[in-house]
C-alpha atoms as a PDB file:
ATOM      1  CA  UNK A   1       0.000   0.000   0.000  1.00  0.00           C
ATOM      2  CA  UNK A   2       2.883   2.362   0.810  1.00  0.00           C
ATOM      3  CA  UNK A   3       4.451   1.834  -2.630  1.00  0.00           C
ATOM      4  CA  UNK A   4       1.079   2.317  -4.321  1.00  0.00           C
ATOM      5  CA  UNK A   5       0.552   5.670  -2.584  1.00  0.00           C
ATOM      6  CA  UNK A   6       4.053   6.855  -3.499  1.00  0.00           C
ATOM      7  CA  UNK A   7       3.433   5.764  -7.071  1.00  0.00           C
ATOM      8  CA  UNK A   8       0.161   7.712  -7.304  1.00  0.00           C
ATOM      9  CA  UNK A   9       1.763  10.848  -5.869  1.00  0.00           C
ATOM     10  CA  UNK A  10       4.749  10.522  -8.198  1.00  0.00           C
ATOM     11  CA  UNK A  11       2.712  10.256 -11.406  1.00  0.00           C
ATOM     12  CA  UNK A  12       0.288  12.979 -10.288  1.00  0.00           C
ATOM     13  CA  UNK A  13       3.222  15.327  -9.673  1.00  0.00           C
ATOM     14  CA  UNK A  14       4.254  14.780 -13.328  1.00  0.00           C
ATOM     15  CA  UNK A  15       0.626  15.256 -14.474  1.00  0.00           C
ATOM     16  CA  UNK A  16       0.268  11.696 -15.800  1.00  0.00           C
ATOM     17  CA  UNK A  17      -3.078   9.958 -15.371  1.00  0.00           C
ATOM     18  CA  UNK A  18      -3.094   6.418 -13.994  1.00  0.00           C
ATOM     19  CA  UNK A  19      -5.473   4.022 -15.727  1.00  0.00           C
ATOM     20  CA  UNK A  20      -4.873   0.979 -13.509  1.00  0.00           C
ATOM     21  CA  UNK A  21      -2.679  -0.276 -10.666  1.00  0.00           C
ATOM     22  CA  UNK A  22      -2.447  -4.003 -10.086  1.00  0.00           C
ATOM     23  CA  UNK A  23      -0.154  -6.888  -9.302  1.00  0.00           C
ATOM     24  CA  UNK A  24       1.343  -9.262 -11.878  1.00  0.00           C
ATOM     25  CA  UNK A  25       3.785 -12.034 -10.953  1.00  0.00           C
ATOM     26  CA  UNK A  26       4.295 -10.483  -7.487  1.00  0.00           C
ATOM     27  CA  UNK A  27       5.173  -7.113  -9.049  1.00  0.00           C
ATOM     28  CA  UNK A  28       3.268  -3.873  -8.655  1.00  0.00           C
ATOM     29  CA  UNK A  29       2.277  -2.763 -12.168  1.00  0.00           C
ATOM     30  CA  UNK A  30       0.839   0.603 -13.213  1.00  0.00           C
ATOM     31  CA  UNK A  31      -0.817   1.355 -16.543  1.00  0.00           C
ATOM     32  CA  UNK A  32      -1.007   4.993 -17.605  1.00  0.00           C
ATOM     33  CA  UNK A  33      -3.761   6.614 -19.629  1.00  0.00           C
ATOM     34  CA  UNK A  34      -1.466   7.301 -22.591  1.00  0.00           C
ATOM     35  CA  UNK A  35       1.990   6.438 -23.924  1.00  0.00           C
ATOM     36  CA  UNK A  36       4.606   8.190 -21.827  1.00  0.00           C
ATOM     37  CA  UNK A  37       8.383   8.381 -21.798  1.00  0.00           C
ATOM     38  CA  UNK A  38      10.031   8.862 -18.410  1.00  0.00           C
ATOM     39  CA  UNK A  39      13.547  10.216 -18.111  1.00  0.00           C
ATOM     40  CA  UNK A  40      15.959   8.315 -15.885  1.00  0.00           C
ATOM     41  CA  UNK A  41      15.528  10.813 -13.049  1.00  0.00           C
ATOM     42  CA  UNK A  42      11.739  10.434 -13.233  1.00  0.00           C
ATOM     43  CA  UNK A  43      12.051   6.660 -12.771  1.00  0.00           C
ATOM     44  CA  UNK A  44      13.241   6.858  -9.158  1.00  0.00           C
ATOM     45  CA  UNK A  45      10.739   6.650  -6.306  1.00  0.00           C
ATOM     46  CA  UNK A  46      12.952   7.817  -3.481  1.00  0.00           C
ATOM     47  CA  UNK A  47      16.119   5.864  -2.760  1.00  0.00           C
ATOM     48  CA  UNK A  48      14.597   2.402  -2.618  1.00  0.00           C
ATOM     49  CA  UNK A  49      12.289   1.935  -5.634  1.00  0.00           C
ATOM     50  CA  UNK A  50      12.597   2.248  -9.412  1.00  0.00           C
ATOM     51  CA  UNK A  51       9.927   2.481 -12.141  1.00  0.00           C
ATOM     52  CA  UNK A  52      10.725   0.208 -15.088  1.00  0.00           C
ATOM     53  CA  UNK A  53       8.915   0.480 -18.455  1.00  0.00           C
ATOM     54  CA  UNK A  54       7.458  -2.677 -19.994  1.00  0.00           C
ATOM     55  CA  UNK A  55       9.279  -3.638 -23.208  1.00  0.00           C
ATOM     56  CA  UNK A  56       6.063  -4.506 -25.046  1.00  0.00           C
ATOM     57  CA  UNK A  57       3.713  -1.798 -23.785  1.00  0.00           C
ATOM     58  CA  UNK A  58       4.884   1.826 -23.617  1.00  0.00           C
ATOM     59  CA  UNK A  59       2.233   2.908 -21.113  1.00  0.00           C
ATOM     60  CA  UNK A  60       2.817   0.045 -18.650  1.00  0.00           C
ATOM     61  CA  UNK A  61       5.386   0.200 -15.848  1.00  0.00           C
ATOM     62  CA  UNK A  62       6.461  -2.137 -13.062  1.00  0.00           C
ATOM     63  CA  UNK A  63       7.954  -1.103  -9.741  1.00  0.00           C
ATOM     64  CA  UNK A  64      11.233  -2.666  -8.675  1.00  0.00           C
ATOM     65  CA  UNK A  65      12.940  -2.504  -5.326  1.00  0.00           C
ATOM     66  CA  UNK A  66      16.513  -1.230  -5.561  1.00  0.00           C
ATOM     67  CA  UNK A  67      19.369  -3.191  -4.056  1.00  0.00           C
ATOM     68  CA  UNK A  68      20.741  -1.953  -0.753  1.00  0.00           C
ATOM     69  CA  UNK A  69      24.334  -2.847  -1.608  1.00  0.00           C
ATOM     70  CA  UNK A  70      26.824  -0.120  -2.397  1.00  0.00           C
ATOM     71  CA  UNK A  71      28.885  -2.160  -4.835  1.00  0.00           C
ATOM     72  CA  UNK A  72      30.045  -0.002  -7.702  1.00  0.00           C
ATOM     73  CA  UNK A  73      30.547  -2.123 -10.801  1.00  0.00           C
ATOM     74  CA  UNK A  74      33.080  -0.844 -13.262  1.00  0.00           C
ATOM     75  CA  UNK A  75      33.178  -2.311 -16.742  1.00  0.00           C
ATOM     76  CA  UNK A  76      36.113  -1.482 -18.986  1.00  0.00           C
ATOM     77  CA  UNK A  77      38.408  -3.015 -21.554  1.00  0.00           C
ATOM     78  CA  UNK A  78      42.149  -2.827 -21.915  1.00  0.00           C
ATOM     79  CA  UNK A  79      43.700  -2.230 -25.317  1.00  0.00           C
END
């Protein structure tokens, strides 16, 4: 319920209308009224949750809990 309230407040602050909020495969899923692109900064719900867009439906998003580890992964190649 806490995540759902934060989600509603977040999308309302960006003036996006929520069509439906439900649960699919133990994930909180929100469907917006229209196709919407969110910038990376708009995808964060505080420091512990992230909004992830569905690959097949541009107005559907799932909420993911962020990891609490502080491991910085660095990927590079040597030439």
